[in-house]
Protein backbone atom coordinates (compact mmCIF):
# COMPACT_ATOMS: atom_id res chain seq x y z
CA MET A 1 12.89 33.92 3.42
CA SER A 2 13.03 32.85 0.43
CA LYS A 3 10.43 31.32 -2.03
CA GLY A 4 12.56 28.35 -1.42
CA SER A 5 12.71 27.92 1.40
CA ARG A 6 8.74 29.30 2.14
CA ASN A 7 8.04 25.48 -0.72
CA THR A 8 9.94 23.87 2.52
CA GLN A 9 8.68 24.95 5.26
CA LYS A 10 5.28 24.36 4.33
CA ALA A 11 5.98 20.76 2.66
CA ARG A 12 6.91 19.72 6.23
CA GLU A 13 3.86 21.99 8.05
CA ARG A 14 1.40 19.66 6.02
CA LEU A 15 3.44 16.49 6.86
CA ALA A 16 3.34 17.38 10.33
CA ARG A 17 -0.84 17.86 9.57
CA ILE A 18 -0.99 14.73 8.18
CA ARG A 19 0.80 12.45 10.31
CA ALA A 20 -1.01 14.17 13.21
CA GLU A 21 -4.02 13.19 11.65
CA GLN A 22 -3.37 10.37 11.00
CA ALA A 23 -2.01 9.67 14.74
CA ARG A 24 -5.12 10.51 15.65
CA ARG A 25 -7.37 8.13 13.80
CA ARG A 26 -4.85 5.29 15.13
CA ARG A 27 -5.86 6.40 18.69
CA ARG A 28 -9.70 6.58 17.83
CA ARG A 29 -9.76 3.83 16.20
CA ILE A 30 -7.59 1.24 18.93
CA GLY A 31 -10.21 3.03 21.38
CA ALA A 32 -12.86 1.24 19.65
CA ALA A 33 -11.20 -1.71 19.13
CA SER A 34 -10.69 -1.93 22.74
CA THR A 35 -14.71 -1.37 23.04
CA ALA A 36 -15.59 -3.19 20.55
CA ALA A 37 -13.51 -6.76 22.03
CA ALA A 38 -15.42 -5.73 25.82
CA ALA A 39 -17.93 -6.58 23.70
CA ALA A 40 -17.05 -9.26 22.30
CA VAL A 41 -16.20 -11.06 25.60
CA ILE A 42 -20.01 -10.02 26.16
CA ALA A 43 -21.16 -11.77 23.36
CA ALA A 44 -19.51 -14.70 23.56
CA VAL A 45 -20.47 -15.43 27.07
CA VAL A 46 -24.21 -14.80 25.18
CA GLY A 47 -23.80 -17.25 23.00
CA ILE A 48 -22.58 -20.21 23.83
CA SER A 49 -25.71 -21.94 24.82
CA LEU A 50 -26.55 -21.10 21.32
CA SER A 51 -23.66 -22.71 19.55
CA VAL A 52 -23.84 -26.24 21.76
CA THR A 53 -27.28 -26.46 19.75
CA SER A 54 -25.76 -24.83 16.80
CA SER A 55 -23.09 -24.51 13.64
CA SER A 56 -21.47 -21.30 13.23
CA SER A 57 -24.04 -18.53 11.20
CA GLY A 58 -22.17 -18.24 8.43
CA ALA A 59 -18.05 -18.86 7.14
CA THR A 60 -15.13 -16.18 7.85
CA ALA A 61 -14.08 -14.69 4.52
CA PRO A 62 -11.01 -16.68 3.16
CA GLY A 63 -7.75 -16.09 3.84
CA PRO A 64 -5.30 -15.97 0.81
CA SER A 65 -3.87 -19.03 0.15
CA LEU A 66 0.51 -18.16 1.55
CA ALA A 67 2.91 -21.27 1.27
CA PRO A 68 6.82 -20.95 3.18
CA LEU A 69 9.50 -19.19 1.14
CA SER A 70 11.22 -22.67 0.36
CA THR A 71 8.50 -23.15 -1.51
CA VAL A 72 10.06 -21.45 -4.40
CA GLY A 73 13.82 -22.37 -3.91
CA THR A 74 16.82 -20.48 -3.97
CA LEU A 75 16.23 -16.49 -2.96
CA GLN A 76 19.92 -13.92 -2.97
CA PRO A 77 19.69 -11.12 0.04
CA ALA A 78 17.19 -8.34 -0.11
CA PRO A 79 19.28 -5.37 -0.68
CA SER A 80 19.99 -2.20 0.84
CA PRO A 81 16.65 -0.53 1.14
CA GLY A 82 17.42 2.75 0.03
CA ALA A 83 17.38 6.66 2.22
CA PRO A 84 14.10 7.64 3.95
CA GLY A 85 12.66 10.22 2.04
CA ALA A 86 9.52 12.06 3.15
CA GLU A 87 7.43 9.44 4.32
CA SER A 88 10.30 8.18 6.14
CA VAL A 89 10.41 5.24 4.11
CA PRO A 90 13.52 3.89 2.32
CA VAL A 91 13.56 4.96 -1.03
CA PRO A 92 14.78 2.34 -3.89
CA ALA A 93 17.52 4.68 -6.08
CA GLU A 94 17.13 2.48 -8.97
CA ALA A 95 14.65 4.00 -11.93
CA PRO A 96 11.25 4.05 -11.68
CA LEU A 97 9.91 0.81 -12.42
CA ALA A 98 7.31 2.67 -14.99
CA GLY A 99 6.34 6.42 -16.07
CA LEU A 100 2.90 7.39 -15.43
CA ALA A 101 2.18 8.83 -19.22
CA THR A 102 -1.44 5.96 -18.89
CA SER A 103 -1.83 7.17 -15.67
CA ALA A 104 -5.73 7.32 -14.79
CA THR A 105 -6.36 10.68 -15.32
CA GLY A 106 -9.57 11.31 -13.41
CA GLN A 107 -12.04 9.09 -14.64
CA PRO A 108 -13.20 6.04 -12.40
CA VAL A 109 -11.84 2.79 -12.76
CA ALA A 110 -12.79 -0.12 -10.43
CA GLN A 111 -15.73 1.03 -9.17
CA ILE A 112 -12.58 3.68 -7.94
CA SER A 113 -13.19 7.07 -8.20
CA CYS A 114 -11.02 10.26 -8.17
CA GLN A 115 -11.54 12.97 -5.93
CA VAL A 116 -11.63 16.53 -4.79
CA GLY A 117 -10.59 16.05 -1.63
CA GLU A 118 -8.30 12.87 0.79
CA GLN A 119 -11.54 10.54 1.62
CA THR A 120 -11.10 9.03 5.32
CA VAL A 121 -13.52 7.60 6.07
CA PHE A 122 -11.37 4.24 5.63
CA HIS A 123 -8.12 5.32 5.60
CA ILE A 124 -4.96 1.55 5.69
CA HIS A 125 -1.63 1.17 4.08
CA ALA A 126 0.05 -1.14 2.21
CA HIS A 127 3.73 -1.63 0.75
CA LEU A 128 4.91 -2.66 -2.56
CA THR A 129 8.10 -3.57 -3.33
CA ILE A 130 9.17 -4.65 -7.33
CA PHE A 131 12.54 -6.60 -8.65
CA VAL A 132 13.30 -7.69 -12.03
CA ASN A 133 16.50 -9.72 -12.37
CA GLY A 134 16.81 -9.29 -8.91
CA GLN A 135 16.99 -5.39 -10.13
CA ALA A 136 15.24 -2.68 -7.80
CA ARG A 137 12.57 -0.39 -9.49
CA GLN A 138 10.78 2.31 -7.76
CA VAL A 139 7.30 2.85 -7.49
CA PRO A 140 6.45 6.25 -8.51
CA ALA A 141 4.96 8.77 -6.88
CA ALA A 142 2.22 10.47 -7.78
CA ILE A 143 -0.23 7.47 -8.93
CA GLY A 144 -3.84 8.42 -8.78
CA ILE A 145 -2.98 12.21 -8.43
CA PRO A 146 -3.87 13.79 -11.47
CA GLY A 147 -2.56 17.43 -11.52
CA ALA A 148 0.15 16.11 -8.73
CA GLN A 149 1.84 18.86 -7.40
CA ALA A 150 5.25 18.35 -5.45
CA GLN A 151 6.66 20.08 -2.65
CA GLN A 152 10.48 19.29 -1.61
CA THR A 153 11.50 18.30 1.37
CA PRO A 154 14.56 18.03 3.11
CA TYR A 155 14.44 14.29 2.16
CA GLY A 156 12.75 14.39 -1.57
CA PRO A 157 9.92 15.20 -3.09
CA PHE A 158 6.01 14.47 -1.57
CA ILE A 159 2.83 14.99 -3.16
CA ALA A 160 0.74 16.92 -1.54
CA ALA A 161 -1.87 18.42 -4.02
CA GLY A 162 -3.82 17.39 -6.89
CA THR A 163 -6.61 17.49 -9.08
CA CYS A 164 -8.01 15.21 -7.56
CA PHE A 165 -7.21 11.68 -5.74
CA TYR A 166 -7.53 8.17 -6.03
CA TRP A 167 -9.25 6.08 -3.18
CA LEU A 168 -5.34 4.56 -3.72
CA HIS A 169 -2.33 6.49 -4.25
CA THR A 170 1.51 7.00 -3.79
CA HIS A 171 2.33 10.58 -2.34
CA ALA A 172 6.41 9.68 -2.42
CA ALA A 173 8.24 6.57 -4.33
CA ASP A 174 8.94 4.56 -1.37
CA GLY A 175 6.07 2.07 -2.26
CA ILE A 176 3.48 3.05 0.25
CA ILE A 177 0.39 2.75 -0.91
CA HIS A 178 -2.92 4.86 0.65
CA ILE A 179 -5.80 3.63 0.75
CA GLU A 180 -8.05 6.55 1.33
CA SER A 181 -11.31 5.49 0.42
CA PRO A 182 -15.51 7.00 2.18
CA ILE A 183 -16.46 3.67 1.90
CA GLN A 184 -14.56 -0.05 3.10
CA ARG A 185 -13.51 -2.36 1.05
CA THR A 186 -11.47 -5.44 -0.56
CA TYR A 187 -9.40 -3.42 -2.41
CA THR A 188 -6.11 -5.40 -4.38
CA LEU A 189 -3.49 -4.62 -6.52
CA GLY A 190 -4.57 -5.43 -9.70
CA ASP A 191 -6.57 -2.33 -8.29
CA PHE A 192 -3.89 -0.51 -8.10
CA PHE A 193 -1.98 -0.99 -11.30
CA ASP A 194 -5.44 -0.59 -13.14
CA ILE A 195 -5.19 3.04 -11.67
CA TRP A 196 -1.34 2.99 -12.39
CA GLY A 197 -2.43 1.96 -15.18
CA GLN A 198 0.47 -0.74 -15.97
CA LEU A 199 -0.27 -4.67 -16.98
CA LEU A 200 -0.32 -7.41 -13.92
CA GLY A 201 -0.73 -11.05 -13.96
CA PRO A 202 1.45 -14.06 -14.06
CA GLY A 203 3.92 -13.03 -16.58
CA GLN A 204 4.50 -9.47 -16.05
CA VAL A 205 4.36 -6.68 -14.06
CA GLY A 206 3.64 -3.41 -16.22
CA PRO A 207 6.59 -3.81 -18.90
CA ALA A 208 8.45 -5.95 -17.12
CA THR A 209 7.97 -9.34 -18.24
CA GLY A 210 8.50 -13.36 -16.76
CA HIS A 211 8.00 -15.84 -14.02
CA VAL A 212 5.81 -13.57 -11.08
CA ILE A 213 6.83 -14.67 -7.53
CA ALA A 214 4.82 -13.01 -5.50
CA LEU A 215 5.10 -12.76 -1.64
CA TYR A 216 2.88 -11.05 1.09
CA ASN A 217 3.99 -10.56 4.51
CA GLY A 218 6.81 -12.61 3.93
CA ARG A 219 4.90 -15.95 2.06
CA VAL A 220 4.27 -16.74 -1.33
CA TYR A 221 1.22 -15.97 -2.17
CA GLU A 222 -0.30 -18.36 -4.57
CA GLY A 223 -2.77 -17.08 -7.15
CA ASN A 224 -2.72 -14.22 -9.10
CA PRO A 225 -0.90 -11.09 -8.33
CA ARG A 226 -3.55 -8.95 -9.05
CA ASP A 227 -5.74 -10.61 -6.70
CA ILE A 228 -3.45 -9.40 -3.91
CA PRO A 229 -5.13 -7.69 -0.45
CA LEU A 230 -4.98 -4.07 0.00
CA THR A 231 -4.63 -4.50 3.69
CA ALA A 232 -3.03 -2.70 7.05
CA HIS A 233 0.13 -2.81 6.63
CA ALA A 234 0.55 -5.38 4.07
CA GLN A 235 3.97 -6.00 2.62
CA ILE A 236 4.09 -7.06 -1.30
CA GLN A 237 6.90 -7.94 -3.05
CA LEU A 238 7.14 -9.11 -6.98
CA ASP A 239 10.20 -10.22 -7.92
CA ILE A 240 9.87 -11.06 -11.77
CA GLY A 241 12.52 -12.93 -14.09
CA THR A 242 15.61 -14.40 -11.64
CA PRO A 243 17.68 -14.07 -9.00
CA LEU A 244 15.31 -14.45 -7.22
CA ILE A 245 15.28 -11.13 -3.55
CA ALA A 246 14.50 -12.24 0.06
CA PRO A 247 11.47 -10.66 1.32
CA GLN A 248 12.96 -7.06 1.99
CA HIS A 249 10.63 -5.28 4.66
CA ILE A 250 10.12 -2.21 5.50
CA THR A 251 8.80 -0.71 9.66
CA PHE A 252 5.44 1.91 9.16
CA PRO A 253 6.48 5.04 11.12
CA ALA A 254 4.22 6.67 13.64
CA GLY A 255 0.90 7.32 11.37
CA LEU A 256 1.15 5.52 8.32
């Protein structure tokens, strides 16, 4: 077997291991959720008498402020998202928004560390799509993975290793943000851009400047795009300039 074939086989085996582990964690979360749901029912029954005489003891943290798409005017149809890459998620054919020259190299960023192994206590994924004046831009692979080592797969490169892994990182140029943390907390798009070493705000996304419309799960995010929460399977889109593009959604494959 040639060296190239061995590398391809190794990449396939690593992807298979990653997806099997992710599927196992998903099953564990589903089981835990079922147990929690049963416990919640019992707690609700026990708490009925208390709710009659007292109000809620605490407020739920407010979610993002969202508005309908109609508030931003005319939207152009989303273009083809590209061919599936190494994570079975489409990779835009266009150039990356920015490179990795200014990315973090191992130092802590916003209290986010870069550790030798990937962390799995809190493990979710979000997706980021970027359009600049109506043209798609890639979110490059290896953000948050200094010293990245790519494995070639039949579907494109996959970053399988590095000197360390930030808790927010990308393995492929498909826009999937891996949130793999030793603690459960709310991470934001601003945290991810800080690790990338790129600016993000209402008037700038990396090197692209202009009015920024942020979409969150198919609705308009009202606020600074830096504050967008990276929640499980969040579909985030940034439109810089015009024309504005309708939300481009992906299907998260099994294991992501």
